[in-house]
Amino acid sequence: MSPASPALPSPSSEALSSIATQIQACALQAGIAGRLADRGLTAGPVFLKAQKIIGHKLSMRNAAVADASYIVALRTDEQKSRFISSTSADVKPQEQWLEKYTQDDKQIYFIIQNMEGENIGTVRLYDQQADSFCWGSWIIQAGSASSSSIESALMVYHYALALGFQSAHFDVRKGNESVWKFHERFGAKKNGETAEDFHYSIAASDITSSLSRYAKFLPSGIQIQF
């Protein structure tokens, strides 16, 4: 499925303020400040693994060892594996990786689900650099609703801002044109490249703008369950 994010007018200052208020309310309701205090921190950003994040038509739950078979099947799909790092068809290494992940506080790995509780994809947040995070391992399986890509991206950004991040960085394979165009429509700026990849970053102001412009895909923000 090719991500789609139609061009829309720039949001008003009132709309941007509404999104900022929504994110603050989300963080307050989830008790993020208290969780930071438990770690001896007065402010984020920091990776906190939510058990579940609920959006509009999607939810994202923390990946578990039992998800190994699904992840391997998704990552070895002929179409989906063209622009991601190669993965063994052997489930055992994935199980071992997920076992280590449960003790790893430097990344967050989600299984994306529809509201019927069916798995439809994955996404991962990792590589914190000051107040910036990287995200990837973003795969939406074929046959999913056409809005799944944009809603899952909005959910990632909404959650990251609630955690205190102020920007994101990521790489996209040059051949994956639909995805890098998707990110550019979201406001991502190209800041480098290699023979295979484009390097991007996106600031909080552009993230907030996209959350406002595409609010119909995530009209009530997200609910975070720890």
C-alpha atoms as a PDB file:
ATOM      1  CA  MET A   1       0.000   0.000   0.000  1.00  0.00           C
ATOM      2  CA  SER A   2       1.362   3.423  -0.909  1.00  0.00           C
ATOM      3  CA  PRO A   3       1.004   6.045   1.844  1.00  0.00           C
ATOM      4  CA  ALA A   4      -1.279   8.892   0.873  1.00  0.00           C
ATOM      5  CA  SER A   5      -1.373  12.346   2.447  1.00  0.00           C
ATOM      6  CA  PRO A   6      -3.220  14.865   0.267  1.00  0.00           C
ATOM      7  CA  ALA A   7      -2.002  18.455   0.245  1.00  0.00           C
ATOM      8  CA  LEU A   8      -4.151  20.622   2.527  1.00  0.00           C
ATOM      9  CA  PRO A   9      -4.102  24.327   3.494  1.00  0.00           C
ATOM     10  CA  SER A  10      -1.813  25.436   6.321  1.00  0.00           C
ATOM     11  CA  PRO A  11      -3.605  25.376   9.686  1.00  0.00           C
ATOM     12  CA  SER A  12      -4.498  28.541  11.580  1.00  0.00           C
ATOM     13  CA  SER A  13      -2.777  29.562  14.813  1.00  0.00           C
ATOM     14  CA  GLU A  14      -5.958  28.565  16.675  1.00  0.00           C
ATOM     15  CA  ALA A  15      -5.834  25.090  15.142  1.00  0.00           C
ATOM     16  CA  LEU A  16      -2.163  24.686  16.078  1.00  0.00           C
ATOM     17  CA  SER A  17      -2.917  25.811  19.624  1.00  0.00           C
ATOM     18  CA  SER A  18      -5.701  23.242  19.806  1.00  0.00           C
ATOM     19  CA  ILE A  19      -3.304  20.452  18.813  1.00  0.00           C
ATOM     20  CA  ALA A  20      -0.747  21.589  21.402  1.00  0.00           C
ATOM     21  CA  THR A  21      -3.454  21.577  24.073  1.00  0.00           C
ATOM     22  CA  GLN A  22      -4.568  18.109  22.955  1.00  0.00           C
ATOM     23  CA  ILE A  23      -1.014  16.759  23.307  1.00  0.00           C
ATOM     24  CA  GLN A  24      -0.579  18.329  26.746  1.00  0.00           C
ATOM     25  CA  ALA A  25      -3.892  16.865  27.910  1.00  0.00           C
ATOM     26  CA  CYS A  26      -2.882  13.450  26.564  1.00  0.00           C
ATOM     27  CA  ALA A  27       0.420  13.543  28.467  1.00  0.00           C
ATOM     28  CA  LEU A  28      -1.346  14.665  31.654  1.00  0.00           C
ATOM     29  CA  GLN A  29      -4.000  11.963  31.447  1.00  0.00           C
ATOM     30  CA  ALA A  30      -1.356   9.288  30.860  1.00  0.00           C
ATOM     31  CA  GLY A  31       0.644  10.455  33.869  1.00  0.00           C
ATOM     32  CA  ILE A  32       3.844  10.914  31.877  1.00  0.00           C
ATOM     33  CA  ALA A  33       5.259  13.520  34.289  1.00  0.00           C
ATOM     34  CA  GLY A  34       4.903  11.070  37.171  1.00  0.00           C
ATOM     35  CA  ARG A  35       6.654   8.340  35.234  1.00  0.00           C
ATOM     36  CA  LEU A  36       9.515  10.700  34.468  1.00  0.00           C
ATOM     37  CA  ALA A  37       9.711  11.625  38.150  1.00  0.00           C
ATOM     38  CA  ASP A  38       9.988   7.929  39.008  1.00  0.00           C
ATOM     39  CA  ARG A  39      13.154   7.926  36.915  1.00  0.00           C
ATOM     40  CA  GLY A  40      14.471  11.029  38.648  1.00  0.00           C
ATOM     41  CA  LEU A  41      13.681  13.250  35.669  1.00  0.00           C
ATOM     42  CA  THR A  42      11.885  16.594  35.698  1.00  0.00           C
ATOM     43  CA  ALA A  43      11.181  16.580  31.959  1.00  0.00           C
ATOM     44  CA  GLY A  44      11.474  14.472  28.845  1.00  0.00           C
ATOM     45  CA  PRO A  45      12.126  13.402  26.297  1.00  0.00           C
ATOM     46  CA  VAL A  46      12.567   9.768  27.183  1.00  0.00           C
ATOM     47  CA  PHE A  47      11.287   6.542  25.681  1.00  0.00           C
ATOM     48  CA  LEU A  48       8.420   5.136  27.757  1.00  0.00           C
ATOM     49  CA  LYS A  49       6.903   1.874  26.550  1.00  0.00           C
ATOM     50  CA  ALA A  50       3.134   2.152  26.498  1.00  0.00           C
ATOM     51  CA  GLN A  51       1.233  -1.112  26.581  1.00  0.00           C
ATOM     52  CA  LYS A  52      -1.286   0.346  24.139  1.00  0.00           C
ATOM     53  CA  ILE A  53      -2.013   3.530  22.242  1.00  0.00           C
ATOM     54  CA  ILE A  54      -5.534   4.034  20.929  1.00  0.00           C
ATOM     55  CA  GLY A  55      -6.208   6.259  17.940  1.00  0.00           C
ATOM     56  CA  HIS A  56      -9.244   6.712  15.706  1.00  0.00           C
ATOM     57  CA  LYS A  57      -9.407   3.550  13.587  1.00  0.00           C
ATOM     58  CA  LEU A  58      -6.154   1.997  14.794  1.00  0.00           C
ATOM     59  CA  SER A  59      -4.365   1.036  17.972  1.00  0.00           C
ATOM     60  CA  MET A  60      -0.722   0.210  18.629  1.00  0.00           C
ATOM     61  CA  ARG A  61       0.383  -2.249  21.322  1.00  0.00           C
ATOM     62  CA  ASN A  62       3.805  -3.012  22.714  1.00  0.00           C
ATOM     63  CA  ALA A  63       5.411  -5.920  20.852  1.00  0.00           C
ATOM     64  CA  ALA A  64       5.869  -9.205  22.721  1.00  0.00           C
ATOM     65  CA  VAL A  65       7.774 -12.450  22.112  1.00  0.00           C
ATOM     66  CA  ALA A  66       4.536 -14.038  20.897  1.00  0.00           C
ATOM     67  CA  ASP A  67       4.580 -11.606  17.943  1.00  0.00           C
ATOM     68  CA  ALA A  68       7.751 -13.098  16.466  1.00  0.00           C
ATOM     69  CA  SER A  69       6.020 -15.211  13.807  1.00  0.00           C
ATOM     70  CA  TYR A  70       3.881 -12.296  12.656  1.00  0.00           C
ATOM     71  CA  ILE A  71       6.857  -9.935  12.448  1.00  0.00           C
ATOM     72  CA  VAL A  72       8.944 -12.430  10.477  1.00  0.00           C
ATOM     73  CA  ALA A  73       6.082 -13.093   8.050  1.00  0.00           C
ATOM     74  CA  LEU A  74       5.607  -9.363   7.518  1.00  0.00           C
ATOM     75  CA  ARG A  75       9.303  -8.574   7.099  1.00  0.00           C
ATOM     76  CA  THR A  76       9.899 -11.450   4.672  1.00  0.00           C
ATOM     77  CA  ASP A  77       6.912 -10.618   2.476  1.00  0.00           C
ATOM     78  CA  GLU A  78       8.251 -10.221  -1.059  1.00  0.00           C
ATOM     79  CA  GLN A  79       6.667  -6.830  -1.654  1.00  0.00           C
ATOM     80  CA  LYS A  80       7.176  -5.342   1.808  1.00  0.00           C
ATOM     81  CA  SER A  81      10.808  -6.426   2.186  1.00  0.00           C
ATOM     82  CA  ARG A  82      12.113  -4.500  -0.831  1.00  0.00           C
ATOM     83  CA  PHE A  83      13.042  -1.385   1.142  1.00  0.00           C
ATOM     84  CA  ILE A  84      13.914  -2.746   4.599  1.00  0.00           C
ATOM     85  CA  SER A  85      16.902  -4.602   6.019  1.00  0.00           C
ATOM     86  CA  SER A  86      16.867  -8.314   5.288  1.00  0.00           C
ATOM     87  CA  THR A  87      15.312 -10.628   7.879  1.00  0.00           C
ATOM     88  CA  SER A  88      15.805 -14.355   8.360  1.00  0.00           C
ATOM     89  CA  ALA A  89      12.768 -16.572   7.843  1.00  0.00           C
ATOM     90  CA  ASP A  90      13.789 -18.377  11.040  1.00  0.00           C
ATOM     91  CA  VAL A  91      11.486 -17.244  13.869  1.00  0.00           C
ATOM     92  CA  LYS A  92      13.912 -18.094  16.687  1.00  0.00           C
ATOM     93  CA  PRO A  93      16.253 -15.074  16.189  1.00  0.00           C
ATOM     94  CA  GLN A  94      13.215 -12.791  16.215  1.00  0.00           C
ATOM     95  CA  GLU A  95      12.015 -14.365  19.470  1.00  0.00           C
ATOM     96  CA  GLN A  96      15.453 -13.826  20.991  1.00  0.00           C
ATOM     97  CA  TRP A  97      15.489 -10.203  19.829  1.00  0.00           C
ATOM     98  CA  LEU A  98      12.053  -9.605  21.377  1.00  0.00           C
ATOM     99  CA  GLU A  99      13.158 -11.185  24.650  1.00  0.00           C
ATOM    100  CA  LYS A 100      16.033  -8.687  24.833  1.00  0.00           C
ATOM    101  CA  TYR A 101      13.689  -5.890  23.792  1.00  0.00           C
ATOM    102  CA  THR A 102      11.575  -6.352  26.934  1.00  0.00           C
ATOM    103  CA  GLN A 103      14.575  -5.096  28.953  1.00  0.00           C
ATOM    104  CA  ASP A 104      15.631  -2.402  26.487  1.00  0.00           C
ATOM    105  CA  ASP A 105      14.601   1.141  27.413  1.00  0.00           C
ATOM    106  CA  LYS A 106      16.223   2.700  24.343  1.00  0.00           C
ATOM    107  CA  GLN A 107      13.490   1.834  21.851  1.00  0.00           C
ATOM    108  CA  ILE A 108       9.770   1.200  21.495  1.00  0.00           C
ATOM    109  CA  TYR A 109       8.387  -1.405  19.108  1.00  0.00           C
ATOM    110  CA  PHE A 110       4.683  -1.447  18.336  1.00  0.00           C
ATOM    111  CA  ILE A 111       2.351  -3.866  16.602  1.00  0.00           C
ATOM    112  CA  ILE A 112      -0.249  -1.832  14.723  1.00  0.00           C
ATOM    113  CA  GLN A 113      -3.800  -3.177  14.882  1.00  0.00           C
ATOM    114  CA  ASN A 114      -7.208  -2.248  13.517  1.00  0.00           C
ATOM    115  CA  MET A 115     -10.126  -1.808  15.901  1.00  0.00           C
ATOM    116  CA  GLU A 116     -11.089  -5.454  15.449  1.00  0.00           C
ATOM    117  CA  GLY A 117      -7.799  -6.360  17.095  1.00  0.00           C
ATOM    118  CA  GLU A 118      -6.228  -7.709  13.901  1.00  0.00           C
ATOM    119  CA  ASN A 119      -2.512  -7.093  13.359  1.00  0.00           C
ATOM    120  CA  ILE A 120      -1.874  -4.918  10.313  1.00  0.00           C
ATOM    121  CA  GLY A 121       1.713  -3.741  10.726  1.00  0.00           C
ATOM    122  CA  THR A 122       4.662  -2.601  12.830  1.00  0.00           C
ATOM    123  CA  VAL A 123       6.519   0.587  13.707  1.00  0.00           C
ATOM    124  CA  ARG A 124       9.538   1.321  15.916  1.00  0.00           C
ATOM    125  CA  LEU A 125      10.892   4.405  17.716  1.00  0.00           C
ATOM    126  CA  TYR A 126      14.618   4.355  18.514  1.00  0.00           C
ATOM    127  CA  ASP A 127      18.007   6.161  18.289  1.00  0.00           C
ATOM    128  CA  GLN A 128      17.291   9.091  20.601  1.00  0.00           C
ATOM    129  CA  GLN A 129      19.613  12.016  19.884  1.00  0.00           C
ATOM    130  CA  ALA A 130      18.936  14.705  22.485  1.00  0.00           C
ATOM    131  CA  ASP A 131      15.319  15.746  21.796  1.00  0.00           C
ATOM    132  CA  SER A 132      15.093  13.958  18.431  1.00  0.00           C
ATOM    133  CA  PHE A 133      13.978  10.382  17.787  1.00  0.00           C
ATOM    134  CA  CYS A 134      14.274   8.098  14.810  1.00  0.00           C
ATOM    135  CA  TRP A 135      11.417   5.951  13.627  1.00  0.00           C
ATOM    136  CA  GLY A 136      11.260   3.098  11.159  1.00  0.00           C
ATOM    137  CA  SER A 137      10.422  -0.611  10.785  1.00  0.00           C
ATOM    138  CA  TRP A 138       7.189   0.934   9.534  1.00  0.00           C
ATOM    139  CA  ILE A 139       5.301  -1.707   7.592  1.00  0.00           C
ATOM    140  CA  ILE A 140       1.591  -1.751   6.806  1.00  0.00           C
ATOM    141  CA  GLN A 141       0.425  -5.046   5.378  1.00  0.00           C
ATOM    142  CA  ALA A 142      -1.374  -5.246   2.058  1.00  0.00           C
ATOM    143  CA  GLY A 143      -5.156  -5.065   2.224  1.00  0.00           C
ATOM    144  CA  SER A 144      -5.248  -2.663   5.178  1.00  0.00           C
ATOM    145  CA  ALA A 145      -7.501   0.391   5.107  1.00  0.00           C
ATOM    146  CA  SER A 146      -6.129   3.172   2.917  1.00  0.00           C
ATOM    147  CA  SER A 147      -5.981   5.527   5.925  1.00  0.00           C
ATOM    148  CA  SER A 148      -3.774   3.191   7.981  1.00  0.00           C
ATOM    149  CA  SER A 149      -0.456   4.690   6.889  1.00  0.00           C
ATOM    150  CA  ILE A 150      -1.341   8.275   7.652  1.00  0.00           C
ATOM    151  CA  GLU A 151      -3.119   7.487  10.924  1.00  0.00           C
ATOM    152  CA  SER A 152      -0.251   5.340  12.216  1.00  0.00           C
ATOM    153  CA  ALA A 153       2.254   8.101  11.341  1.00  0.00           C
ATOM    154  CA  LEU A 154       0.133  10.682  13.161  1.00  0.00           C
ATOM    155  CA  MET A 155      -0.072   8.372  16.188  1.00  0.00           C
ATOM    156  CA  VAL A 156       3.716   7.993  16.280  1.00  0.00           C
ATOM    157  CA  TYR A 157       4.219  11.756  16.159  1.00  0.00           C
ATOM    158  CA  HIS A 158       1.484  12.504  18.697  1.00  0.00           C
ATOM    159  CA  TYR A 159       2.991  10.006  21.132  1.00  0.00           C
ATOM    160  CA  ALA A 160       6.528  11.293  20.619  1.00  0.00           C
ATOM    161  CA  LEU A 161       5.500  14.895  21.291  1.00  0.00           C
ATOM    162  CA  ALA A 162       3.650  13.758  24.435  1.00  0.00           C
ATOM    163  CA  LEU A 163       6.909  12.146  25.583  1.00  0.00           C
ATOM    164  CA  GLY A 164       8.695  15.479  25.103  1.00  0.00           C
ATOM    165  CA  PHE A 165      10.474  14.992  21.788  1.00  0.00           C
ATOM    166  CA  GLN A 166      10.872  18.075  19.603  1.00  0.00           C
ATOM    167  CA  SER A 167      11.963  16.558  16.297  1.00  0.00           C
ATOM    168  CA  ALA A 168      12.436  13.312  14.400  1.00  0.00           C
ATOM    169  CA  HIS A 169      15.046  11.939  12.021  1.00  0.00           C
ATOM    170  CA  PHE A 170      14.940   8.951   9.687  1.00  0.00           C
ATOM    171  CA  ASP A 171      16.236   7.454   6.463  1.00  0.00           C
ATOM    172  CA  VAL A 172      14.184   6.333   3.471  1.00  0.00           C
ATOM    173  CA  ARG A 173      15.442   4.228   0.587  1.00  0.00           C
ATOM    174  CA  LYS A 174      15.638   6.299  -2.589  1.00  0.00           C
ATOM    175  CA  GLY A 175      13.673   3.686  -4.477  1.00  0.00           C
ATOM    176  CA  ASN A 176      10.796   3.929  -1.993  1.00  0.00           C
ATOM    177  CA  GLU A 177       9.397   7.019  -3.672  1.00  0.00           C
ATOM    178  CA  SER A 178       5.863   6.828  -2.275  1.00  0.00           C
ATOM    179  CA  VAL A 179       7.211   6.869   1.284  1.00  0.00           C
ATOM    180  CA  TRP A 180       9.718   9.722   0.944  1.00  0.00           C
ATOM    181  CA  LYS A 181       7.077  11.804  -0.840  1.00  0.00           C
ATOM    182  CA  PHE A 182       4.696  11.007   2.023  1.00  0.00           C
ATOM    183  CA  HIS A 183       7.235  12.284   4.563  1.00  0.00           C
ATOM    184  CA  GLU A 184       7.920  15.425   2.532  1.00  0.00           C
ATOM    185  CA  ARG A 185       4.204  16.238   2.454  1.00  0.00           C
ATOM    186  CA  PHE A 186       4.279  15.915   6.230  1.00  0.00           C
ATOM    187  CA  GLY A 187       6.975  18.601   6.348  1.00  0.00           C
ATOM    188  CA  ALA A 188      10.130  16.498   6.575  1.00  0.00           C
ATOM    189  CA  LYS A 189      13.257  18.176   5.201  1.00  0.00           C
ATOM    190  CA  LYS A 190      15.939  16.297   3.288  1.00  0.00           C
ATOM    191  CA  ASN A 191      19.330  16.963   4.898  1.00  0.00           C
ATOM    192  CA  GLY A 192      21.620  14.399   3.309  1.00  0.00           C
ATOM    193  CA  GLU A 193      21.847  11.208   1.320  1.00  0.00           C
ATOM    194  CA  THR A 194      23.910   8.115   0.663  1.00  0.00           C
ATOM    195  CA  ALA A 195      24.010   5.935  -2.421  1.00  0.00           C
ATOM    196  CA  GLU A 196      20.853   4.143  -1.223  1.00  0.00           C
ATOM    197  CA  ASP A 197      19.061   6.459   1.208  1.00  0.00           C
ATOM    198  CA  PHE A 198      17.711   9.960   1.712  1.00  0.00           C
ATOM    199  CA  HIS A 199      18.209  11.409   5.217  1.00  0.00           C
ATOM    200  CA  TYR A 200      15.332  13.433   6.672  1.00  0.00           C
ATOM    201  CA  SER A 201      14.449  15.421   9.767  1.00  0.00           C
ATOM    202  CA  ILE A 202      11.212  17.070  10.834  1.00  0.00           C
ATOM    203  CA  ALA A 203      10.742  19.731  13.507  1.00  0.00           C
ATOM    204  CA  ALA A 204       8.003  19.839  16.134  1.00  0.00           C
ATOM    205  CA  SER A 205       6.405  22.836  14.411  1.00  0.00           C
ATOM    206  CA  ASP A 206       5.980  20.847  11.186  1.00  0.00           C
ATOM    207  CA  ILE A 207       4.765  17.809  13.120  1.00  0.00           C
ATOM    208  CA  THR A 208       2.135  19.906  14.898  1.00  0.00           C
ATOM    209  CA  SER A 209       1.126  21.466  11.591  1.00  0.00           C
ATOM    210  CA  SER A 210       0.580  18.033  10.055  1.00  0.00           C
ATOM    211  CA  LEU A 211      -1.355  16.811  13.096  1.00  0.00           C
ATOM    212  CA  SER A 212      -3.665  19.781  12.520  1.00  0.00           C
ATOM    213  CA  ARG A 213      -3.889  19.536   8.723  1.00  0.00           C
ATOM    214  CA  TYR A 214      -4.665  15.809   8.822  1.00  0.00           C
ATOM    215  CA  ALA A 215      -6.776  15.923  11.991  1.00  0.00           C
ATOM    216  CA  LYS A 216      -9.660  14.106  10.319  1.00  0.00           C
ATOM    217  CA  PHE A 217      -7.534  10.951  10.456  1.00  0.00           C
ATOM    218  CA  LEU A 218      -6.955  11.355  14.208  1.00  0.00           C
ATOM    219  CA  PRO A 219      -9.742  13.712  15.340  1.00  0.00           C
ATOM    220  CA  SER A 220      -9.482  13.080  19.089  1.00  0.00           C
ATOM    221  CA  GLY A 221      -5.755  12.526  19.362  1.00  0.00           C
ATOM    222  CA  ILE A 222      -4.596   9.393  21.172  1.00  0.00           C
ATOM    223  CA  GLN A 223      -5.113   7.620  24.470  1.00  0.00           C
ATOM    224  CA  ILE A 224      -2.010   6.179  26.115  1.00  0.00           C
ATOM    225  CA  GLN A 225      -2.230   3.119  28.353  1.00  0.00           C
ATOM    226  CA  PHE A 226       0.823   2.108  30.370  1.00  0.00           C
END
